[in-house]
Amino acid sequence: MKQIEVVAAIIRKGDQIFATQRGYGEWKDWWEFPGGKMEAGETPEKALIREIREELSTEISVDEFLCMVEYDYPNFSLTMHCYLCSLLMEALHLNEHEAARWLSKDELDSVKWLPADLEVVEKLKK
């Protein structure tokens, strides 16, 4: 099975967490934490900064490692490195996603999360 290694930014502002809705592919309309695939020789932190710049046209601070999720989707096996992050700029622009929301802990269950991201959501609700 194909192995994919990705990074995810759990961007926090006050008591809210940033979620994005996929606008393409097999998982279109499902919600996820922004991020993406790591490139060869890239650290997870560098990959996160690059991915968030590409996807949201903003700058982040990678604050703290949260967890690693391993999940087997039907067509590939995913390893996702998840980091708590904060914005260095207020402006966000959706370059790849069709929607985004700031969610409080109580609102985390109000969107349809990708299966791998659900593990992170459960951790954040504690």
Protein backbone atom coordinates (compact mmCIF):
# COMPACT_ATOMS: atom_id res chain seq x y z
CA MET A 1 0.00 0.00 0.00
CA LYS A 2 1.18 3.52 -0.80
CA GLN A 3 2.67 5.41 2.20
CA ILE A 4 2.04 9.15 2.49
CA GLU A 5 3.66 11.38 5.12
CA VAL A 6 1.98 14.70 5.85
CA VAL A 7 1.97 17.55 8.35
CA ALA A 8 -1.06 19.29 9.88
CA ALA A 9 -1.29 22.70 11.53
CA ILE A 10 -3.64 22.99 14.48
CA ILE A 11 -3.87 26.78 14.31
CA ARG A 12 -5.21 28.34 17.50
CA LYS A 13 -6.47 31.84 18.18
CA GLY A 14 -7.75 32.32 21.71
CA ASP A 15 -9.98 29.33 22.43
CA GLN A 16 -10.70 28.66 18.76
CA ILE A 17 -9.18 26.23 16.25
CA PHE A 18 -8.98 26.75 12.49
CA ALA A 19 -10.58 24.12 10.23
CA THR A 20 -10.62 23.96 6.44
CA GLN A 21 -12.98 22.24 4.00
CA ARG A 22 -11.52 20.32 1.07
CA GLY A 23 -12.60 21.64 -2.31
CA TYR A 24 -11.37 18.79 -4.51
CA GLY A 25 -10.86 15.05 -4.88
CA GLU A 26 -12.39 11.98 -3.36
CA TRP A 27 -12.77 13.65 0.05
CA LYS A 28 -14.26 16.92 -1.28
CA ASP A 29 -16.41 18.77 1.30
CA TRP A 30 -14.85 16.93 4.28
CA TRP A 31 -13.07 19.04 6.90
CA GLU A 32 -9.41 18.87 7.88
CA PHE A 33 -6.59 20.72 9.55
CA PRO A 34 -4.54 22.60 6.93
CA GLY A 35 -1.19 21.17 5.89
CA GLY A 36 0.13 18.79 3.29
CA LYS A 37 2.81 16.43 2.09
CA MET A 38 6.38 16.69 3.27
CA GLU A 39 9.04 17.03 0.58
CA ALA A 40 12.30 15.04 0.57
CA GLY A 41 14.77 16.33 3.16
CA GLU A 42 12.20 18.64 4.77
CA THR A 43 11.58 18.71 8.53
CA PRO A 44 7.93 18.60 9.62
CA GLU A 45 8.21 22.18 10.90
CA LYS A 46 9.63 23.51 7.60
CA ALA A 47 6.97 21.58 5.65
CA LEU A 48 4.21 23.13 7.78
CA ILE A 49 5.47 26.67 7.29
CA ARG A 50 5.70 26.09 3.50
CA GLU A 51 2.32 24.39 3.22
CA ILE A 52 0.48 27.07 5.20
CA ARG A 53 2.15 29.78 3.12
CA GLU A 54 0.97 27.96 -0.07
CA GLU A 55 -2.55 27.10 1.12
CA LEU A 56 -3.46 30.16 3.20
CA SER A 57 -1.01 32.92 2.14
CA THR A 58 -0.06 33.53 5.76
CA GLU A 59 2.78 32.94 8.20
CA ILE A 60 2.62 30.72 11.27
CA SER A 61 4.68 29.91 14.30
CA VAL A 62 5.04 26.15 14.88
CA ASP A 63 4.65 26.10 18.65
CA GLU A 64 4.48 22.52 19.89
CA PHE A 65 4.24 18.92 18.66
CA LEU A 66 0.77 17.57 19.48
CA CYS A 67 0.65 14.01 18.14
CA MET A 68 1.31 11.64 15.26
CA VAL A 69 -1.62 9.89 13.62
CA GLU A 70 -1.31 6.74 11.56
CA TYR A 71 -4.41 5.90 9.56
CA ASP A 72 -5.11 3.43 6.76
CA TYR A 73 -7.39 4.85 4.09
CA PRO A 74 -8.68 2.44 1.40
CA ASN A 75 -5.98 3.47 -1.14
CA PHE A 76 -3.06 4.58 1.03
CA SER A 77 -1.52 4.56 4.47
CA LEU A 78 -1.16 7.97 6.11
CA THR A 79 1.31 9.23 8.72
CA MET A 80 0.32 12.71 9.91
CA HIS A 81 2.54 14.87 12.14
CA CYS A 82 0.31 17.35 14.00
CA TYR A 83 1.57 20.58 15.55
CA LEU A 84 -0.09 23.30 17.58
CA CYS A 85 0.53 26.57 15.72
CA SER A 86 -0.33 30.25 15.94
CA LEU A 87 -0.70 32.94 13.30
CA LEU A 88 2.03 35.52 12.83
CA MET A 89 -0.27 37.52 10.51
CA GLU A 90 -4.04 37.99 10.81
CA ALA A 91 -4.76 37.72 7.08
CA LEU A 92 -5.75 34.32 5.71
CA HIS A 93 -6.63 33.54 2.09
CA LEU A 94 -8.10 30.22 0.97
CA ASN A 95 -6.00 29.19 -2.04
CA GLU A 96 -7.01 25.50 -2.07
CA HIS A 97 -9.96 25.03 0.28
CA GLU A 98 -13.58 25.87 -0.42
CA ALA A 99 -14.38 27.06 3.11
CA ALA A 100 -12.86 27.58 6.54
CA ARG A 101 -14.14 28.16 10.05
CA TRP A 102 -12.85 29.04 13.48
CA LEU A 103 -14.32 26.47 15.88
CA SER A 104 -14.48 26.43 19.66
CA LYS A 105 -13.98 23.09 21.46
CA ASP A 106 -17.76 22.75 21.70
CA GLU A 107 -18.15 23.27 17.94
CA LEU A 108 -15.53 20.73 16.82
CA ASP A 109 -18.21 18.09 16.19
CA SER A 110 -20.24 20.46 13.99
CA VAL A 111 -18.28 19.60 10.82
CA LYS A 112 -17.60 16.30 9.00
CA TRP A 113 -13.90 15.61 9.70
CA LEU A 114 -11.68 13.39 7.59
CA PRO A 115 -11.19 10.06 9.41
CA ALA A 116 -7.50 10.66 10.27
CA ASP A 117 -8.28 14.15 11.62
CA LEU A 118 -10.92 12.75 13.99
CA GLU A 119 -8.16 11.39 16.25
CA VAL A 120 -6.77 14.91 16.59
CA VAL A 121 -10.23 16.36 17.25
CA GLU A 122 -10.76 13.88 20.11
CA LYS A 123 -7.41 14.91 21.63
CA LEU A 124 -8.31 18.62 21.35
CA LYS A 125 -11.67 18.15 23.06
CA LYS A 126 -9.98 16.90 26.26
